Structure formats: structure tokens, C-alpha cells
Amino acid sequence: MRFTITIEQDEDGIFVAECPTIPGCISQGKTEKEVLENIKDAIKQCLEVRAEKGMPLTVAMREIEVVV
């Protein structure tokens, strides 16, 4: 499966990754490489838990460009 993730660096320099199509699926790391490995693991774990609980694996997400 392929997932889009977001990565941001917080005020303390820690990288935070989130998978918007899996509610609550967030991870962090000291480097971009570390946060990528951590979010992959978090995605796998979130999918397992959601499957065990009979929840939808993902939620629908649309990407829309908005001009401001």
C-alpha cells in the first residue's frame, strides 16, 4: 500500500510525521531518515489495530489546491 505522509520539524528540531488517511497515525524522529522509518512502523501498527477492531483501514482524503 502507498500512503501520503506529512513531515514537519518542530521548534525543538524534532521531525514529526503524520499519515492523514489513518486518523491518529503520528510518529517522530531526530532525523528525517529516522522519522520515515518510524512512520512506516506506525502505519503498520495502526493498520493492524484498525483491522483487529473492524474499523475502516483508512479514511477518504482529497487534496485540493486553494489560492489565497
PDB file of N, CA and C in Angstrom:
ATOM      1  N   MET A   1       0.847  -1.186   0.000  1.00  0.00           N
ATOM      2  CA  MET A   1       0.000   0.000   0.000  1.00  0.00           C
ATOM      3  C   MET A   1       0.887   1.241   0.000  1.00  0.00           C
ATOM      4  N   ARG A   2       0.382   2.297  -0.598  1.00  0.00           N
ATOM      5  CA  ARG A   2       1.095   3.566  -0.627  1.00  0.00           C
ATOM      6  C   ARG A   2       0.311   4.597   0.174  1.00  0.00           C
ATOM      7  N   PHE A   3       1.017   5.378   0.955  1.00  0.00           N
ATOM      8  CA  PHE A   3       0.393   6.405   1.772  1.00  0.00           C
ATOM      9  C   PHE A   3       1.136   7.719   1.606  1.00  0.00           C
ATOM     10  N   THR A   4       0.395   8.798   1.597  1.00  0.00           N
ATOM     11  CA  THR A   4       0.987  10.128   1.631  1.00  0.00           C
ATOM     12  C   THR A   4       1.177  10.500   3.093  1.00  0.00           C
ATOM     13  N   ILE A   5       2.350  11.033   3.407  1.00  0.00           N
ATOM     14  CA  ILE A   5       2.600  11.491   4.773  1.00  0.00           C
ATOM     15  C   ILE A   5       3.053  12.941   4.729  1.00  0.00           C
ATOM     16  N   THR A   6       2.921  13.598   5.860  1.00  0.00           N
ATOM     17  CA  THR A   6       3.459  14.948   6.004  1.00  0.00           C
ATOM     18  C   THR A   6       4.594  14.882   7.011  1.00  0.00           C
ATOM     19  N   ILE A   7       5.609  15.692   6.791  1.00  0.00           N
ATOM     20  CA  ILE A   7       6.732  15.774   7.725  1.00  0.00           C
ATOM     21  C   ILE A   7       6.981  17.242   8.025  1.00  0.00           C
ATOM     22  N   GLU A   8       7.044  17.553   9.306  1.00  0.00           N
ATOM     23  CA  GLU A   8       7.351  18.909   9.754  1.00  0.00           C
ATOM     24  C   GLU A   8       8.430  18.827  10.824  1.00  0.00           C
ATOM     25  N   GLN A   9       9.192  19.876  10.949  1.00  0.00           N
ATOM     26  CA  GLN A   9      10.185  19.946  12.014  1.00  0.00           C
ATOM     27  C   GLN A   9       9.653  20.909  13.064  1.00  0.00           C
ATOM     28  N   ASP A  10       9.576  20.450  14.322  1.00  0.00           N
ATOM     29  CA  ASP A  10       9.019  21.299  15.373  1.00  0.00           C
ATOM     30  C   ASP A  10      10.059  22.290  15.892  1.00  0.00           C
ATOM     31  N   GLU A  11       9.646  23.106  16.839  1.00  0.00           N
ATOM     32  CA  GLU A  11      10.518  24.165  17.370  1.00  0.00           C
ATOM     33  C   GLU A  11      11.748  23.630  18.099  1.00  0.00           C
ATOM     34  N   ASP A  12      11.722  22.360  18.504  1.00  0.00           N
ATOM     35  CA  ASP A  12      12.868  21.743  19.166  1.00  0.00           C
ATOM     36  C   ASP A  12      13.764  20.989  18.189  1.00  0.00           C
ATOM     37  N   GLY A  13      13.429  21.024  16.889  1.00  0.00           N
ATOM     38  CA  GLY A  13      14.237  20.352  15.885  1.00  0.00           C
ATOM     39  C   GLY A  13      13.851  18.905  15.635  1.00  0.00           C
ATOM     40  N   ILE A  14      12.815  18.415  16.309  1.00  0.00           N
ATOM     41  CA  ILE A  14      12.355  17.042  16.128  1.00  0.00           C
ATOM     42  C   ILE A  14      11.458  16.982  14.889  1.00  0.00           C
ATOM     43  N   PHE A  15      11.628  15.937  14.083  1.00  0.00           N
ATOM     44  CA  PHE A  15      10.790  15.744  12.900  1.00  0.00           C
ATOM     45  C   PHE A  15       9.537  14.974  13.305  1.00  0.00           C
ATOM     46  N   VAL A  16       8.393  15.467  12.859  1.00  0.00           N
ATOM     47  CA  VAL A  16       7.108  14.850  13.173  1.00  0.00           C
ATOM     48  C   VAL A  16       6.441  14.464  11.858  1.00  0.00           C
ATOM     49  N   ALA A  17       6.051  13.194  11.752  1.00  0.00           N
ATOM     50  CA  ALA A  17       5.386  12.694  10.543  1.00  0.00           C
ATOM     51  C   ALA A  17       3.978  12.262  10.897  1.00  0.00           C
ATOM     52  N   GLU A  18       3.066  12.492   9.948  1.00  0.00           N
ATOM     53  CA  GLU A  18       1.672  12.108  10.138  1.00  0.00           C
ATOM     54  C   GLU A  18       1.142  11.513   8.839  1.00  0.00           C
ATOM     55  N   CYS A  19       0.301  10.509   8.984  1.00  0.00           N
ATOM     56  CA  CYS A  19      -0.367   9.900   7.832  1.00  0.00           C
ATOM     57  C   CYS A  19      -1.831  10.326   7.903  1.00  0.00           C
ATOM     58  N   PRO A  20      -2.225  11.351   7.144  1.00  0.00           N
ATOM     59  CA  PRO A  20      -3.581  11.908   7.268  1.00  0.00           C
ATOM     60  C   PRO A  20      -4.715  10.936   6.964  1.00  0.00           C
ATOM     61  N   THR A  21      -4.465   9.891   6.168  1.00  0.00           N
ATOM     62  CA  THR A  21      -5.550   8.963   5.841  1.00  0.00           C
ATOM     63  C   THR A  21      -5.782   7.918   6.927  1.00  0.00           C
ATOM     64  N   ILE A  22      -4.916   7.899   7.952  1.00  0.00           N
ATOM     65  CA  ILE A  22      -5.104   6.996   9.088  1.00  0.00           C
ATOM     66  C   ILE A  22      -5.168   7.872  10.341  1.00  0.00           C
ATOM     67  N   PRO A  23      -6.361   8.172  10.827  1.00  0.00           N
ATOM     68  CA  PRO A  23      -6.507   9.067  11.971  1.00  0.00           C
ATOM     69  C   PRO A  23      -5.651   8.626  13.167  1.00  0.00           C
ATOM     70  N   GLY A  24      -4.901   9.570  13.716  1.00  0.00           N
ATOM     71  CA  GLY A  24      -4.076   9.298  14.889  1.00  0.00           C
ATOM     72  C   GLY A  24      -2.732   8.676  14.590  1.00  0.00           C
ATOM     73  N   CYS A  25      -2.411   8.469  13.328  1.00  0.00           N
ATOM     74  CA  CYS A  25      -1.145   7.830  12.966  1.00  0.00           C
ATOM     75  C   CYS A  25      -0.051   8.891  12.839  1.00  0.00           C
ATOM     76  N   ILE A  26       0.704   9.046  13.921  1.00  0.00           N
ATOM     77  CA  ILE A  26       1.739  10.075  14.020  1.00  0.00           C
ATOM     78  C   ILE A  26       2.990   9.448  14.607  1.00  0.00           C
ATOM     79  N   SER A  27       4.148   9.929  14.180  1.00  0.00           N
ATOM     80  CA  SER A  27       5.409   9.461  14.749  1.00  0.00           C
ATOM     81  C   SER A  27       6.410  10.600  14.722  1.00  0.00           C
ATOM     82  N   GLN A  28       7.559  10.374  15.332  1.00  0.00           N
ATOM     83  CA  GLN A  28       8.593  11.406  15.353  1.00  0.00           C
ATOM     84  C   GLN A  28       9.976  10.780  15.291  1.00  0.00           C
ATOM     85  N   GLY A  29      10.975  11.620  15.040  1.00  0.00           N
ATOM     86  CA  GLY A  29      12.353  11.151  14.995  1.00  0.00           C
ATOM     87  C   GLY A  29      13.305  12.332  15.025  1.00  0.00           C
ATOM     88  N   LYS A  30      14.556  12.052  15.342  1.00  0.00           N
ATOM     89  CA  LYS A  30      15.568  13.108  15.421  1.00  0.00           C
ATOM     90  C   LYS A  30      16.036  13.550  14.040  1.00  0.00           C
ATOM     91  N   THR A  31      15.909  12.665  13.042  1.00  0.00           N
ATOM     92  CA  THR A  31      16.307  12.982  11.668  1.00  0.00           C
ATOM     93  C   THR A  31      15.161  12.607  10.731  1.00  0.00           C
ATOM     94  N   GLU A  32      15.241  13.092   9.478  1.00  0.00           N
ATOM     95  CA  GLU A  32      14.217  12.716   8.507  1.00  0.00           C
ATOM     96  C   GLU A  32      14.248  11.214   8.246  1.00  0.00           C
ATOM     97  N   LYS A  33      15.437  10.646   8.180  1.00  0.00           N
ATOM     98  CA  LYS A  33      15.567   9.201   7.956  1.00  0.00           C
ATOM     99  C   LYS A  33      14.887   8.429   9.090  1.00  0.00           C
ATOM    100  N   GLU A  34      15.134   8.850  10.317  1.00  0.00           N
ATOM    101  CA  GLU A  34      14.550   8.171  11.475  1.00  0.00           C
ATOM    102  C   GLU A  34      13.030   8.307  11.487  1.00  0.00           C
ATOM    103  N   VAL A  35      12.515   9.501  11.190  1.00  0.00           N
ATOM    104  CA  VAL A  35      11.067   9.687  11.221  1.00  0.00           C
ATOM    105  C   VAL A  35      10.394   8.880  10.106  1.00  0.00           C
ATOM    106  N   LEU A  36      11.048   8.728   8.961  1.00  0.00           N
ATOM    107  CA  LEU A  36      10.475   7.907   7.892  1.00  0.00           C
ATOM    108  C   LEU A  36      10.365   6.446   8.312  1.00  0.00           C
ATOM    109  N   GLU A  37      11.400   5.919   8.944  1.00  0.00           N
ATOM    110  CA  GLU A  37      11.338   4.541   9.436  1.00  0.00           C
ATOM    111  C   GLU A  37      10.275   4.399  10.513  1.00  0.00           C
ATOM    112  N   ASN A  38      10.194   5.385  11.407  1.00  0.00           N
ATOM    113  CA  ASN A  38       9.218   5.327  12.494  1.00  0.00           C
ATOM    114  C   ASN A  38       7.781   5.411  11.990  1.00  0.00           C
ATOM    115  N   ILE A  39       7.522   6.258  10.975  1.00  0.00           N
ATOM    116  CA  ILE A  39       6.143   6.370  10.485  1.00  0.00           C
ATOM    117  C   ILE A  39       5.746   5.114   9.726  1.00  0.00           C
ATOM    118  N   LYS A  40       6.680   4.459   9.054  1.00  0.00           N
ATOM    119  CA  LYS A  40       6.366   3.187   8.392  1.00  0.00           C
ATOM    120  C   LYS A  40       5.901   2.167   9.430  1.00  0.00           C
ATOM    121  N   ASP A  41       6.613   2.095  10.540  1.00  0.00           N
ATOM    122  CA  ASP A  41       6.249   1.167  11.613  1.00  0.00           C
ATOM    123  C   ASP A  41       4.897   1.559  12.213  1.00  0.00           C
ATOM    124  N   ALA A  42       4.686   2.862  12.418  1.00  0.00           N
ATOM    125  CA  ALA A  42       3.420   3.332  12.986  1.00  0.00           C
ATOM    126  C   ALA A  42       2.253   2.998  12.060  1.00  0.00           C
ATOM    127  N   ILE A  43       2.442   3.157  10.747  1.00  0.00           N
ATOM    128  CA  ILE A  43       1.386   2.837   9.792  1.00  0.00           C
ATOM    129  C   ILE A  43       1.025   1.360   9.885  1.00  0.00           C
ATOM    130  N   LYS A  44       2.036   0.492   9.914  1.00  0.00           N
ATOM    131  CA  LYS A  44       1.772  -0.947  10.024  1.00  0.00           C
ATOM    132  C   LYS A  44       0.993  -1.264  11.291  1.00  0.00           C
ATOM    133  N   GLN A  45       1.415  -0.682  12.406  1.00  0.00           N
ATOM    134  CA  GLN A  45       0.746  -0.953  13.674  1.00  0.00           C
ATOM    135  C   GLN A  45      -0.682  -0.406  13.683  1.00  0.00           C
ATOM    136  N   CYS A  46      -0.873   0.797  13.162  1.00  0.00           N
ATOM    137  CA  CYS A  46      -2.219   1.380  13.112  1.00  0.00           C
ATOM    138  C   CYS A  46      -3.150   0.530  12.264  1.00  0.00           C
ATOM    139  N   LEU A  47      -2.659   0.064  11.114  1.00  0.00           N
ATOM    140  CA  LEU A  47      -3.484  -0.773  10.247  1.00  0.00           C
ATOM    141  C   LEU A  47      -3.861  -2.076  10.933  1.00  0.00           C
ATOM    142  N   GLU A  48      -2.919  -2.682  11.663  1.00  0.00           N
ATOM    143  CA  GLU A  48      -3.205  -3.924  12.394  1.00  0.00           C
ATOM    144  C   GLU A  48      -4.298  -3.702  13.438  1.00  0.00           C
ATOM    145  N   VAL A  49      -4.176  -2.637  14.207  1.00  0.00           N
ATOM    146  CA  VAL A  49      -5.148  -2.357  15.264  1.00  0.00           C
ATOM    147  C   VAL A  49      -6.517  -2.071  14.660  1.00  0.00           C
ATOM    148  N   ARG A  50      -6.545  -1.263  13.596  1.00  0.00           N
ATOM    149  CA  ARG A  50      -7.824  -0.935  12.968  1.00  0.00           C
ATOM    150  C   ARG A  50      -8.481  -2.197  12.402  1.00  0.00           C
ATOM    151  N   ALA A  51      -7.689  -3.093  11.809  1.00  0.00           N
ATOM    152  CA  ALA A  51      -8.230  -4.345  11.266  1.00  0.00           C
ATOM    153  C   ALA A  51      -8.780  -5.223  12.394  1.00  0.00           C
ATOM    154  N   GLU A  52      -8.037  -5.333  13.499  1.00  0.00           N
ATOM    155  CA  GLU A  52      -8.476  -6.143  14.641  1.00  0.00           C
ATOM    156  C   GLU A  52      -9.797  -5.635  15.213  1.00  0.00           C
ATOM    157  N   LYS A  53      -9.982  -4.300  15.204  1.00  0.00           N
ATOM    158  CA  LYS A  53     -11.194  -3.711  15.771  1.00  0.00           C
ATOM    159  C   LYS A  53     -12.319  -3.589  14.755  1.00  0.00           C
ATOM    160  N   GLY A  54     -12.076  -4.033  13.520  1.00  0.00           N
ATOM    161  CA  GLY A  54     -13.095  -3.965  12.495  1.00  0.00           C
ATOM    162  C   GLY A  54     -13.361  -2.557  11.983  1.00  0.00           C
ATOM    163  N   MET A  55     -12.418  -1.679  12.178  1.00  0.00           N
ATOM    164  CA  MET A  55     -12.552  -0.297  11.723  1.00  0.00           C
ATOM    165  C   MET A  55     -12.085  -0.187  10.276  1.00  0.00           C
ATOM    166  N   PRO A  56     -12.562   0.803   9.543  1.00  0.00           N
ATOM    167  CA  PRO A  56     -12.023   1.021   8.201  1.00  0.00           C
ATOM    168  C   PRO A  56     -10.514   1.288   8.319  1.00  0.00           C
ATOM    169  N   LEU A  57      -9.745   0.739   7.403  1.00  0.00           N
ATOM    170  CA  LEU A  57      -8.292   0.910   7.492  1.00  0.00           C
ATOM    171  C   LEU A  57      -7.875   2.353   7.285  1.00  0.00           C
ATOM    172  N   THR A  58      -8.557   3.045   6.384  1.00  0.00           N
ATOM    173  CA  THR A  58      -8.223   4.439   6.104  1.00  0.00           C
ATOM    174  C   THR A  58      -9.491   5.264   5.974  1.00  0.00           C
ATOM    175  N   VAL A  59      -9.333   6.565   5.953  1.00  0.00           N
ATOM    176  CA  VAL A  59     -10.442   7.469   5.681  1.00  0.00           C
ATOM    177  C   VAL A  59     -10.156   8.172   4.358  1.00  0.00           C
ATOM    178  N   ALA A  60     -11.203   8.587   3.683  1.00  0.00           N
ATOM    179  CA  ALA A  60     -11.041   9.258   2.399  1.00  0.00           C
ATOM    180  C   ALA A  60     -10.373  10.614   2.608  1.00  0.00           C
ATOM    181  N   MET A  61      -9.513  10.957   1.671  1.00  0.00           N
ATOM    182  CA  MET A  61      -8.826  12.236   1.738  1.00  0.00           C
ATOM    183  C   MET A  61      -8.757  12.798   0.329  1.00  0.00           C
ATOM    184  N   ARG A  62      -9.001  14.094   0.220  1.00  0.00           N
ATOM    185  CA  ARG A  62      -8.880  14.772  -1.060  1.00  0.00           C
ATOM    186  C   ARG A  62      -7.864  15.883  -0.911  1.00  0.00           C
ATOM    187  N   GLU A  63      -7.086  16.071  -1.940  1.00  0.00           N
ATOM    188  CA  GLU A  63      -6.122  17.168  -1.952  1.00  0.00           C
ATOM    189  C   GLU A  63      -6.638  18.202  -2.939  1.00  0.00           C
ATOM    190  N   ILE A  64      -6.891  19.402  -2.429  1.00  0.00           N
ATOM    191  CA  ILE A  64      -7.432  20.474  -3.240  1.00  0.00           C
ATOM    192  C   ILE A  64      -6.510  21.678  -3.140  1.00  0.00           C
ATOM    193  N   GLU A  65      -6.205  22.266  -4.269  1.00  0.00           N
ATOM    194  CA  GLU A  65      -5.364  23.454  -4.287  1.00  0.00           C
ATOM    195  C   GLU A  65      -6.245  24.671  -4.099  1.00  0.00           C
ATOM    196  N   VAL A  66      -5.905  25.510  -3.135  1.00  0.00           N
ATOM    197  CA  VAL A  66      -6.662  26.715  -2.844  1.00  0.00           C
ATOM    198  C   VAL A  66      -5.736  27.920  -3.020  1.00  0.00           C
ATOM    199  N   VAL A  67      -6.151  28.867  -3.788  1.00  0.00           N
ATOM    200  CA  VAL A  67      -5.371  30.084  -3.998  1.00  0.00           C
ATOM    201  C   VAL A  67      -5.809  31.117  -2.989  1.00  0.00           C
ATOM    202  N   VAL A  68      -4.848  31.707  -2.286  1.00  0.00           N
ATOM    203  CA  VAL A  68      -5.155  32.722  -1.272  1.00  0.00           C
ATOM    204  C   VAL A  68      -4.484  34.018  -1.651  1.00  0.00           C
TER     205      VAL A  68
END
